Amino acid sequence: MILYCCSDLLWATKVKSTADALGIPCRPARNLDMLTARLSDSPVRALIVDLESGPIAIDLIHAVRQNPARQPPIRVVAFAPHVEVDAMRAAVGAGADSTMTRGAFSSRLPEILKDLAGTV
């Protein structure tokens, strides 16, 4: 399963509908309680974080990284507008595996989801 936290309904819908079309299980994790619940009841492979979600974005990345022994490790992909360089640096500092601009994320979303799900 892939979890996602997006700043607005458009991004959330885009991630969820693309995942559904590909047959990849994908659920929201809008806050730490939702993340904890998903981690305890599902085999989570990845977390996608929209860095425009505010401080919760970095908190979710930190929370995923609290258990480094988890197998398989949860991959974290963060995205933001191209001008949000500091936010992308903060995501890497918190433990994101990769960051990208919103444009790159949007154009490569099916490929990213397949890769995160291990179906490439």
Protein backbone atom coordinates (compact mmCIF):
# COMPACT_ATOMS: atom_id res chain seq x y z
CA MET A 1 0.00 0.00 0.00
CA ILE A 2 1.06 3.56 -0.71
CA LEU A 3 0.06 6.37 1.66
CA TYR A 4 -0.24 9.98 0.63
CA CYS A 5 -0.61 13.39 2.24
CA CYS A 6 -1.63 16.16 -0.16
CA SER A 7 -2.32 19.82 0.49
CA ASP A 8 -5.53 20.01 -1.48
CA LEU A 9 -8.27 17.88 -2.95
CA LEU A 10 -6.95 18.18 -6.51
CA TRP A 11 -3.63 16.54 -5.66
CA ALA A 12 -5.24 13.95 -3.42
CA THR A 13 -7.69 13.04 -6.17
CA LYS A 14 -4.92 12.86 -8.78
CA VAL A 15 -2.80 10.51 -6.66
CA LYS A 16 -5.74 8.31 -5.64
CA SER A 17 -7.35 8.08 -9.10
CA THR A 18 -4.04 7.31 -10.80
CA ALA A 19 -3.28 4.60 -8.24
CA ASP A 20 -6.78 3.14 -8.62
CA ALA A 21 -6.41 3.06 -12.42
CA LEU A 22 -3.15 1.14 -11.99
CA GLY A 23 -4.64 -1.25 -9.42
CA ILE A 24 -2.30 -0.01 -6.68
CA PRO A 25 -3.73 0.25 -3.16
CA CYS A 26 -3.41 3.85 -1.98
CA ARG A 27 -4.87 5.59 1.09
CA PRO A 28 -4.58 9.02 2.68
CA ALA A 29 -2.54 9.79 5.79
CA ARG A 30 -3.44 13.40 6.57
CA ASN A 31 -2.07 13.43 10.10
CA LEU A 32 0.07 11.42 12.52
CA ASP A 33 -2.90 9.46 13.90
CA MET A 34 -3.92 8.33 10.41
CA LEU A 35 -0.33 7.42 9.60
CA THR A 36 0.00 5.37 12.79
CA ALA A 37 -3.26 3.55 12.08
CA ARG A 38 -2.27 2.76 8.50
CA LEU A 39 1.17 1.52 9.55
CA SER A 40 -0.35 -0.79 12.14
CA ASP A 41 -3.02 -2.33 9.90
CA SER A 42 -1.48 -2.39 6.42
CA PRO A 43 1.72 -3.43 4.63
CA VAL A 44 2.86 0.08 3.73
CA ARG A 45 5.53 0.33 1.03
CA ALA A 46 5.70 4.09 0.51
CA LEU A 47 4.61 7.56 1.57
CA ILE A 48 4.01 10.42 -0.86
CA VAL A 49 4.11 13.86 0.74
CA ASP A 50 3.03 17.18 -0.71
CA LEU A 51 5.34 19.64 1.03
CA GLU A 52 2.70 22.36 0.74
CA SER A 53 0.76 20.45 3.40
CA GLY A 54 2.58 22.50 6.02
CA PRO A 55 4.49 21.25 9.05
CA ILE A 56 2.61 17.93 9.02
CA ALA A 57 4.53 16.97 5.87
CA ILE A 58 7.87 16.94 7.68
CA ASP A 59 6.26 15.37 10.78
CA LEU A 60 5.00 12.45 8.68
CA ILE A 61 8.44 11.89 7.17
CA HIS A 62 10.02 11.92 10.64
CA ALA A 63 7.39 9.49 11.92
CA VAL A 64 8.06 7.01 9.10
CA ARG A 65 11.78 7.20 9.80
CA GLN A 66 11.39 6.48 13.55
CA ASN A 67 11.55 2.74 12.90
CA PRO A 68 14.61 2.21 10.67
CA ALA A 69 14.50 -1.56 11.18
CA ARG A 70 11.12 -1.87 9.48
CA GLN A 71 11.29 -4.33 6.57
CA PRO A 72 10.82 -3.58 3.85
CA PRO A 73 11.70 0.03 4.54
CA ILE A 74 9.07 2.61 3.64
CA ARG A 75 10.14 4.79 0.73
CA VAL A 76 9.30 8.47 0.95
CA VAL A 77 8.77 10.74 -2.05
CA ALA A 78 8.13 14.44 -1.43
CA PHE A 79 7.07 17.06 -3.95
CA ALA A 80 6.66 20.83 -3.96
CA PRO A 81 6.54 23.81 -6.31
CA HIS A 82 9.91 24.43 -7.92
CA VAL A 83 10.43 27.60 -5.86
CA GLU A 84 10.15 25.70 -2.55
CA VAL A 85 13.82 24.73 -2.43
CA ASP A 86 14.00 25.07 1.37
CA ALA A 87 11.02 22.76 1.82
CA MET A 88 12.64 20.13 -0.39
CA ARG A 89 15.88 20.40 1.59
CA ALA A 90 13.92 20.02 4.84
CA ALA A 91 12.27 16.88 3.45
CA VAL A 92 15.64 15.34 2.60
CA GLY A 93 16.88 16.30 6.06
CA ALA A 94 13.86 14.57 7.60
CA GLY A 95 14.60 11.39 5.65
CA ALA A 96 12.78 11.61 2.31
CA ASP A 97 14.32 9.29 -0.27
CA SER A 98 13.62 11.71 -3.08
CA THR A 99 12.15 15.12 -3.73
CA MET A 100 10.89 16.60 -6.95
CA THR A 101 9.07 19.55 -8.35
CA ARG A 102 5.31 19.41 -8.61
CA GLY A 103 5.58 19.42 -12.41
CA ALA A 104 7.93 16.44 -12.46
CA PHE A 105 5.74 14.61 -9.96
CA SER A 106 2.62 15.23 -12.01
CA SER A 107 4.13 14.18 -15.32
CA ARG A 108 5.71 11.03 -13.90
CA LEU A 109 2.98 10.01 -11.43
CA PRO A 110 2.06 6.63 -13.00
CA GLU A 111 5.73 5.65 -13.21
CA ILE A 112 6.38 6.82 -9.63
CA LEU A 113 3.42 4.85 -8.27
CA LYS A 114 4.44 1.69 -10.12
CA ASP A 115 7.99 2.03 -8.82
CA LEU A 116 6.86 2.61 -5.23
CA ALA A 117 4.46 -0.32 -5.42
CA GLY A 118 7.17 -2.57 -6.85
CA THR A 119 5.25 -3.26 -10.05
CA VAL A 120 7.70 -1.76 -12.55
